[in-house]
Amino acid sequence: MVTYEMFVARFPEFTSTSQARFSIFLGDSQIEMGTEEHRWSNVYDVAQANLIAHFLVVAQGSATGDTMALMPIRSTDVDDVLVEYAVATVAPGTAVDNFAASIYGQQYVHWRNQAFAGARTICP
């Protein structure tokens, strides 16, 4: 499990984040990832650090009043007018599109995919 000291050493841009706030998002990351580190091979700590950083970036945006969608809006319509924007195609409503909103979320998805790629053998 990532400690506050390990997190700040990895991401010095978060040195102004209090340990209490870090602890809140540490708990949130454990809800998302679980607490069984062995399931994540040897990438649990780096994945967890990136997930906490992603949560902090999203929280910082909402703290400044930015409550818009995490991703660019692909299309909008009013009456008979439809406007579409060129944005990356990600399935709307999936967890991946939320994580794509920050480089930290993208890195979390990378490490998650690495940990859970391929078949798994379960031994008693």
N, C-alpha and C. Protein backbone atom coordinates (compact mmCIF):
# COMPACT_ATOMS: atom_id res chain seq x y z
N MET A 1 0.85 -1.17 0.00
CA MET A 1 0.00 0.00 0.00
C MET A 1 0.89 1.24 0.00
N VAL A 2 0.47 2.24 -0.73
CA VAL A 2 1.23 3.48 -0.87
C VAL A 2 1.11 4.30 0.42
N THR A 3 2.22 4.84 0.88
CA THR A 3 2.20 5.76 2.01
C THR A 3 2.24 7.19 1.48
N TYR A 4 1.94 8.13 2.35
CA TYR A 4 1.98 9.54 1.96
C TYR A 4 3.38 9.93 1.49
N GLU A 5 4.39 9.46 2.19
CA GLU A 5 5.77 9.80 1.84
C GLU A 5 6.14 9.24 0.46
N MET A 6 5.75 7.99 0.19
CA MET A 6 6.02 7.39 -1.12
C MET A 6 5.30 8.16 -2.23
N PHE A 7 4.06 8.56 -1.94
CA PHE A 7 3.26 9.27 -2.93
C PHE A 7 3.88 10.61 -3.30
N VAL A 8 4.28 11.38 -2.29
CA VAL A 8 4.88 12.70 -2.54
C VAL A 8 6.24 12.55 -3.21
N ALA A 9 6.98 11.49 -2.89
CA ALA A 9 8.26 11.26 -3.56
C ALA A 9 8.06 10.96 -5.04
N ARG A 10 7.02 10.22 -5.36
CA ARG A 10 6.72 9.88 -6.76
C ARG A 10 6.15 11.08 -7.50
N PHE A 11 5.28 11.83 -6.83
CA PHE A 11 4.60 12.97 -7.45
C PHE A 11 4.82 14.23 -6.62
N PRO A 12 5.97 14.89 -6.76
CA PRO A 12 6.25 16.08 -5.96
C PRO A 12 5.28 17.23 -6.23
N GLU A 13 4.55 17.17 -7.33
CA GLU A 13 3.56 18.22 -7.60
C GLU A 13 2.41 18.22 -6.60
N PHE A 14 2.33 17.18 -5.78
CA PHE A 14 1.28 17.10 -4.77
C PHE A 14 1.79 17.35 -3.35
N THR A 15 2.93 18.00 -3.21
CA THR A 15 3.48 18.24 -1.88
C THR A 15 2.57 19.13 -1.03
N SER A 16 1.75 19.95 -1.66
CA SER A 16 0.85 20.81 -0.88
C SER A 16 -0.41 20.07 -0.43
N THR A 17 -0.58 18.82 -0.85
CA THR A 17 -1.72 18.01 -0.42
C THR A 17 -1.50 17.54 1.01
N SER A 18 -2.49 17.75 1.85
CA SER A 18 -2.35 17.33 3.25
C SER A 18 -2.44 15.81 3.36
N GLN A 19 -1.89 15.30 4.44
CA GLN A 19 -1.95 13.86 4.66
C GLN A 19 -3.39 13.41 4.88
N ALA A 20 -4.22 14.24 5.50
CA ALA A 20 -5.63 13.89 5.73
C ALA A 20 -6.35 13.73 4.38
N ARG A 21 -6.11 14.66 3.46
CA ARG A 21 -6.75 14.58 2.14
C ARG A 21 -6.23 13.37 1.37
N PHE A 22 -4.93 13.12 1.47
CA PHE A 22 -4.34 11.93 0.85
C PHE A 22 -5.03 10.67 1.38
N SER A 23 -5.26 10.61 2.68
CA SER A 23 -5.87 9.43 3.30
C SER A 23 -7.28 9.18 2.79
N ILE A 24 -8.01 10.25 2.51
CA ILE A 24 -9.37 10.10 1.96
C ILE A 24 -9.30 9.38 0.62
N PHE A 25 -8.41 9.84 -0.25
CA PHE A 25 -8.32 9.24 -1.58
C PHE A 25 -7.59 7.90 -1.57
N LEU A 26 -6.77 7.66 -0.57
CA LEU A 26 -6.20 6.33 -0.38
C LEU A 26 -7.32 5.33 -0.13
N GLY A 27 -8.26 5.71 0.73
CA GLY A 27 -9.42 4.85 0.99
C GLY A 27 -10.25 4.62 -0.26
N ASP A 28 -10.44 5.69 -1.05
CA ASP A 28 -11.19 5.55 -2.30
C ASP A 28 -10.48 4.61 -3.27
N SER A 29 -9.16 4.69 -3.30
CA SER A 29 -8.41 3.81 -4.21
C SER A 29 -8.54 2.35 -3.78
N GLN A 30 -8.63 2.11 -2.49
CA GLN A 30 -8.79 0.74 -2.01
C GLN A 30 -10.17 0.19 -2.36
N ILE A 31 -11.17 1.07 -2.43
CA ILE A 31 -12.49 0.64 -2.89
C ILE A 31 -12.41 0.21 -4.35
N GLU A 32 -11.72 0.98 -5.16
CA GLU A 32 -11.59 0.69 -6.59
C GLU A 32 -10.72 -0.54 -6.85
N MET A 33 -9.59 -0.65 -6.12
CA MET A 33 -8.60 -1.67 -6.41
C MET A 33 -8.67 -2.90 -5.52
N GLY A 34 -9.30 -2.76 -4.37
CA GLY A 34 -9.25 -3.83 -3.38
C GLY A 34 -8.00 -3.68 -2.53
N THR A 35 -7.87 -4.52 -1.55
CA THR A 35 -6.71 -4.44 -0.65
C THR A 35 -5.78 -5.65 -0.78
N GLU A 36 -6.10 -6.55 -1.70
CA GLU A 36 -5.28 -7.75 -1.89
C GLU A 36 -4.19 -7.45 -2.92
N GLU A 37 -3.06 -6.97 -2.42
CA GLU A 37 -1.97 -6.53 -3.30
C GLU A 37 -1.45 -7.64 -4.20
N HIS A 38 -1.50 -8.88 -3.74
CA HIS A 38 -0.95 -9.98 -4.54
C HIS A 38 -1.71 -10.18 -5.85
N ARG A 39 -2.96 -9.75 -5.92
CA ARG A 39 -3.74 -9.87 -7.15
C ARG A 39 -3.18 -8.97 -8.26
N TRP A 40 -2.43 -7.94 -7.89
CA TRP A 40 -1.91 -6.95 -8.83
C TRP A 40 -0.47 -7.26 -9.23
N SER A 41 -0.03 -8.47 -9.03
CA SER A 41 1.36 -8.84 -9.31
C SER A 41 2.27 -7.91 -8.54
N ASN A 42 3.17 -7.23 -9.19
CA ASN A 42 4.09 -6.34 -8.49
C ASN A 42 3.83 -4.87 -8.83
N VAL A 43 2.63 -4.53 -9.33
CA VAL A 43 2.35 -3.15 -9.75
C VAL A 43 1.30 -2.46 -8.88
N TYR A 44 0.95 -3.04 -7.75
CA TYR A 44 -0.11 -2.46 -6.91
C TYR A 44 0.23 -1.04 -6.47
N ASP A 45 1.43 -0.82 -5.95
CA ASP A 45 1.79 0.50 -5.42
C ASP A 45 1.79 1.58 -6.50
N VAL A 46 2.39 1.30 -7.64
CA VAL A 46 2.45 2.32 -8.70
C VAL A 46 1.05 2.59 -9.26
N ALA A 47 0.24 1.56 -9.39
CA ALA A 47 -1.14 1.76 -9.87
C ALA A 47 -1.94 2.57 -8.85
N GLN A 48 -1.78 2.24 -7.58
CA GLN A 48 -2.51 2.95 -6.54
C GLN A 48 -2.08 4.42 -6.46
N ALA A 49 -0.80 4.68 -6.59
CA ALA A 49 -0.32 6.06 -6.56
C ALA A 49 -0.91 6.87 -7.71
N ASN A 50 -0.96 6.29 -8.89
CA ASN A 50 -1.54 6.98 -10.03
C ASN A 50 -3.04 7.19 -9.86
N LEU A 51 -3.73 6.23 -9.28
CA LEU A 51 -5.17 6.38 -9.05
C LEU A 51 -5.44 7.48 -8.03
N ILE A 52 -4.66 7.55 -6.97
CA ILE A 52 -4.82 8.62 -5.98
C ILE A 52 -4.55 9.97 -6.63
N ALA A 53 -3.51 10.06 -7.44
CA ALA A 53 -3.20 11.32 -8.14
C ALA A 53 -4.35 11.72 -9.05
N HIS A 54 -4.94 10.76 -9.74
CA HIS A 54 -6.09 11.05 -10.61
C HIS A 54 -7.25 11.60 -9.79
N PHE A 55 -7.55 10.94 -8.68
CA PHE A 55 -8.64 11.43 -7.81
C PHE A 55 -8.36 12.85 -7.33
N LEU A 56 -7.12 13.14 -6.99
CA LEU A 56 -6.76 14.49 -6.52
C LEU A 56 -6.93 15.53 -7.62
N VAL A 57 -6.54 15.20 -8.83
CA VAL A 57 -6.68 16.14 -9.95
C VAL A 57 -8.16 16.43 -10.21
N VAL A 58 -8.98 15.40 -10.21
CA VAL A 58 -10.41 15.59 -10.41
C VAL A 58 -11.00 16.42 -9.28
N ALA A 59 -10.59 16.15 -8.05
CA ALA A 59 -11.10 16.90 -6.90
C ALA A 59 -10.66 18.36 -6.95
N GLN A 60 -9.44 18.61 -7.40
CA GLN A 60 -8.96 20.00 -7.51
C GLN A 60 -9.78 20.77 -8.52
N GLY A 61 -10.15 20.11 -9.61
CA GLY A 61 -10.98 20.76 -10.61
C GLY A 61 -12.35 21.12 -10.07
N SER A 62 -12.96 20.20 -9.34
CA SER A 62 -14.29 20.48 -8.81
C SER A 62 -14.22 21.50 -7.67
N ALA A 63 -13.11 21.55 -6.96
CA ALA A 63 -12.96 22.55 -5.88
C ALA A 63 -12.91 23.97 -6.42
N THR A 64 -12.44 24.11 -7.66
CA THR A 64 -12.38 25.45 -8.26
C THR A 64 -13.66 25.78 -9.03
N GLY A 65 -14.65 24.91 -8.93
CA GLY A 65 -15.93 25.17 -9.56
C GLY A 65 -16.12 24.50 -10.90
N ASP A 66 -15.16 23.71 -11.35
CA ASP A 66 -15.27 23.01 -12.63
C ASP A 66 -16.05 21.72 -12.41
N THR A 67 -17.32 21.76 -12.70
CA THR A 67 -18.16 20.56 -12.53
C THR A 67 -18.63 20.02 -13.87
N MET A 68 -17.93 20.39 -14.93
CA MET A 68 -18.28 19.89 -16.27
C MET A 68 -17.81 18.44 -16.41
N ALA A 69 -18.18 17.84 -17.51
CA ALA A 69 -17.79 16.46 -17.79
C ALA A 69 -16.27 16.34 -17.80
N LEU A 70 -15.78 15.18 -17.41
CA LEU A 70 -14.34 14.96 -17.38
C LEU A 70 -13.74 14.89 -18.77
N MET A 71 -14.54 14.53 -19.74
CA MET A 71 -14.07 14.39 -21.12
C MET A 71 -14.75 15.42 -21.99
N PRO A 72 -14.16 15.76 -23.13
CA PRO A 72 -14.82 16.69 -24.05
C PRO A 72 -16.17 16.15 -24.52
N ILE A 73 -17.10 17.02 -24.73
CA ILE A 73 -18.41 16.62 -25.22
C ILE A 73 -18.29 16.29 -26.70
N ARG A 74 -18.77 15.13 -27.09
CA ARG A 74 -18.63 14.69 -28.48
C ARG A 74 -19.66 15.35 -29.38
N SER A 75 -20.88 15.49 -28.90
CA SER A 75 -21.90 16.12 -29.72
C SER A 75 -22.96 16.75 -28.83
N THR A 76 -23.65 17.71 -29.39
CA THR A 76 -24.74 18.38 -28.70
C THR A 76 -25.76 18.82 -29.74
N ASP A 77 -27.00 18.87 -29.33
CA ASP A 77 -28.01 19.32 -30.29
C ASP A 77 -29.04 20.20 -29.61
N VAL A 78 -29.53 21.15 -30.39
CA VAL A 78 -30.60 22.04 -29.97
C VAL A 78 -31.57 22.12 -31.14
N ASP A 79 -32.80 21.77 -30.89
CA ASP A 79 -33.81 21.72 -31.94
C ASP A 79 -33.30 20.86 -33.10
N ASP A 80 -33.17 21.43 -34.28
CA ASP A 80 -32.75 20.67 -35.45
C ASP A 80 -31.26 20.79 -35.76
N VAL A 81 -30.51 21.44 -34.89
CA VAL A 81 -29.09 21.65 -35.14
C VAL A 81 -28.28 20.67 -34.29
N LEU A 82 -27.43 19.89 -34.95
CA LEU A 82 -26.55 18.94 -34.27
C LEU A 82 -25.11 19.35 -34.55
N VAL A 83 -24.33 19.51 -33.51
CA VAL A 83 -22.93 19.87 -33.65
C VAL A 83 -22.11 18.72 -33.07
N GLU A 84 -21.15 18.23 -33.86
CA GLU A 84 -20.26 17.16 -33.40
C GLU A 84 -18.83 17.67 -33.38
N TYR A 85 -18.07 17.21 -32.40
CA TYR A 85 -16.68 17.62 -32.25
C TYR A 85 -15.79 16.41 -32.45
N ALA A 86 -14.58 16.67 -32.94
CA ALA A 86 -13.62 15.59 -33.13
C ALA A 86 -12.93 15.32 -31.80
N VAL A 87 -13.29 14.22 -31.17
CA VAL A 87 -12.66 13.80 -29.91
C VAL A 87 -12.34 12.32 -30.02
N ALA A 88 -11.47 11.88 -29.17
CA ALA A 88 -11.11 10.46 -29.15
C ALA A 88 -12.34 9.61 -28.88
N THR A 89 -12.41 8.47 -29.52
CA THR A 89 -13.57 7.61 -29.32
C THR A 89 -13.32 6.68 -28.15
N VAL A 90 -14.09 6.86 -27.14
CA VAL A 90 -14.09 6.00 -25.96
C VAL A 90 -15.54 5.72 -25.66
N ALA A 91 -15.83 4.50 -25.32
CA ALA A 91 -17.22 4.15 -25.04
C ALA A 91 -17.75 4.99 -23.88
N PRO A 92 -18.81 5.78 -24.11
CA PRO A 92 -19.32 6.64 -23.05
C PRO A 92 -19.85 5.81 -21.89
N GLY A 93 -19.64 6.32 -20.70
CA GLY A 93 -20.16 5.66 -19.51
C GLY A 93 -19.27 4.55 -18.98
N THR A 94 -18.14 4.29 -19.63
CA THR A 94 -17.25 3.26 -19.14
C THR A 94 -16.28 3.87 -18.14
N ALA A 95 -15.69 3.02 -17.33
CA ALA A 95 -14.72 3.51 -16.36
C ALA A 95 -13.51 4.10 -17.07
N VAL A 96 -13.18 3.56 -18.24
CA VAL A 96 -11.99 4.01 -18.95
C VAL A 96 -12.11 5.47 -19.35
N ASP A 97 -13.32 5.91 -19.76
CA ASP A 97 -13.42 7.30 -20.20
C ASP A 97 -13.23 8.26 -19.03
N ASN A 98 -13.59 7.89 -17.84
CA ASN A 98 -13.34 8.75 -16.68
C ASN A 98 -11.84 8.83 -16.36
N PHE A 99 -11.15 7.72 -16.49
CA PHE A 99 -9.72 7.71 -16.21
C PHE A 99 -8.91 8.41 -17.29
N ALA A 100 -9.45 8.55 -18.47
CA ALA A 100 -8.74 9.21 -19.56
C ALA A 100 -8.64 10.72 -19.35
N ALA A 101 -9.33 11.25 -18.36
CA ALA A 101 -9.36 12.69 -18.13
C ALA A 101 -8.04 13.23 -17.59
N SER A 102 -7.17 12.38 -17.08
CA SER A 102 -5.88 12.84 -16.57
C SER A 102 -4.80 11.84 -16.96
N ILE A 103 -3.57 12.32 -17.03
CA ILE A 103 -2.45 11.43 -17.32
C ILE A 103 -2.30 10.38 -16.22
N TYR A 104 -2.66 10.74 -15.01
CA TYR A 104 -2.56 9.79 -13.89
C TYR A 104 -3.60 8.67 -14.06
N GLY A 105 -4.80 9.04 -14.49
CA GLY A 105 -5.82 8.03 -14.74
C GLY A 105 -5.44 7.11 -15.88
N GLN A 106 -4.83 7.68 -16.91
CA GLN A 106 -4.38 6.87 -18.03
C GLN A 106 -3.30 5.89 -17.60
N GLN A 107 -2.39 6.36 -16.75
CA GLN A 107 -1.35 5.47 -16.24
C GLN A 107 -1.93 4.38 -15.35
N TYR A 108 -2.94 4.74 -14.55
CA TYR A 108 -3.61 3.72 -13.72
C TYR A 108 -4.19 2.62 -14.60
N VAL A 109 -4.87 3.00 -15.69
CA VAL A 109 -5.45 2.01 -16.59
C VAL A 109 -4.34 1.15 -17.21
N HIS A 110 -3.22 1.76 -17.56
CA HIS A 110 -2.08 1.02 -18.11
C HIS A 110 -1.63 -0.07 -17.13
N TRP A 111 -1.41 0.32 -15.87
CA TRP A 111 -0.93 -0.64 -14.87
C TRP A 111 -2.00 -1.70 -14.57
N ARG A 112 -3.27 -1.29 -14.54
CA ARG A 112 -4.35 -2.25 -14.31
C ARG A 112 -4.40 -3.27 -15.43
N ASN A 113 -4.26 -2.81 -16.67
CA ASN A 113 -4.26 -3.74 -17.80
C ASN A 113 -3.07 -4.68 -17.75
N GLN A 114 -1.93 -4.17 -17.32
CA GLN A 114 -0.75 -5.02 -17.21
C GLN A 114 -0.95 -6.09 -16.14
N ALA A 115 -1.55 -5.72 -15.05
CA ALA A 115 -1.74 -6.68 -13.95
C ALA A 115 -2.77 -7.75 -14.27
N PHE A 116 -3.78 -7.39 -15.05
CA PHE A 116 -4.88 -8.32 -15.28
C PHE A 116 -4.99 -8.79 -16.72
N ALA A 117 -3.92 -8.70 -17.49
CA ALA A 117 -3.93 -9.18 -18.87
C ALA A 117 -3.74 -10.70 -18.88
N GLY A 118 -4.42 -11.34 -19.79
CA GLY A 118 -4.22 -12.77 -19.99
C GLY A 118 -4.97 -13.64 -18.99
N ALA A 119 -4.78 -14.89 -19.15
CA ALA A 119 -5.45 -15.89 -18.30
C ALA A 119 -4.78 -15.97 -16.94
N ARG A 120 -5.55 -16.31 -15.94
CA ARG A 120 -5.03 -16.46 -14.58
C ARG A 120 -5.28 -17.89 -14.12
N THR A 121 -4.29 -18.43 -13.42
CA THR A 121 -4.43 -19.74 -12.84
C THR A 121 -4.62 -19.57 -11.34
N ILE A 122 -5.66 -20.20 -10.83
CA ILE A 122 -5.96 -20.11 -9.40
C ILE A 122 -5.55 -21.43 -8.76
N CYS A 123 -4.67 -21.34 -7.79
CA CYS A 123 -4.21 -22.52 -7.09
C CYS A 123 -4.83 -22.54 -5.69
N PRO A 124 -5.20 -23.72 -5.23
CA PRO A 124 -5.80 -23.80 -3.88
C PRO A 124 -4.81 -23.52 -2.79
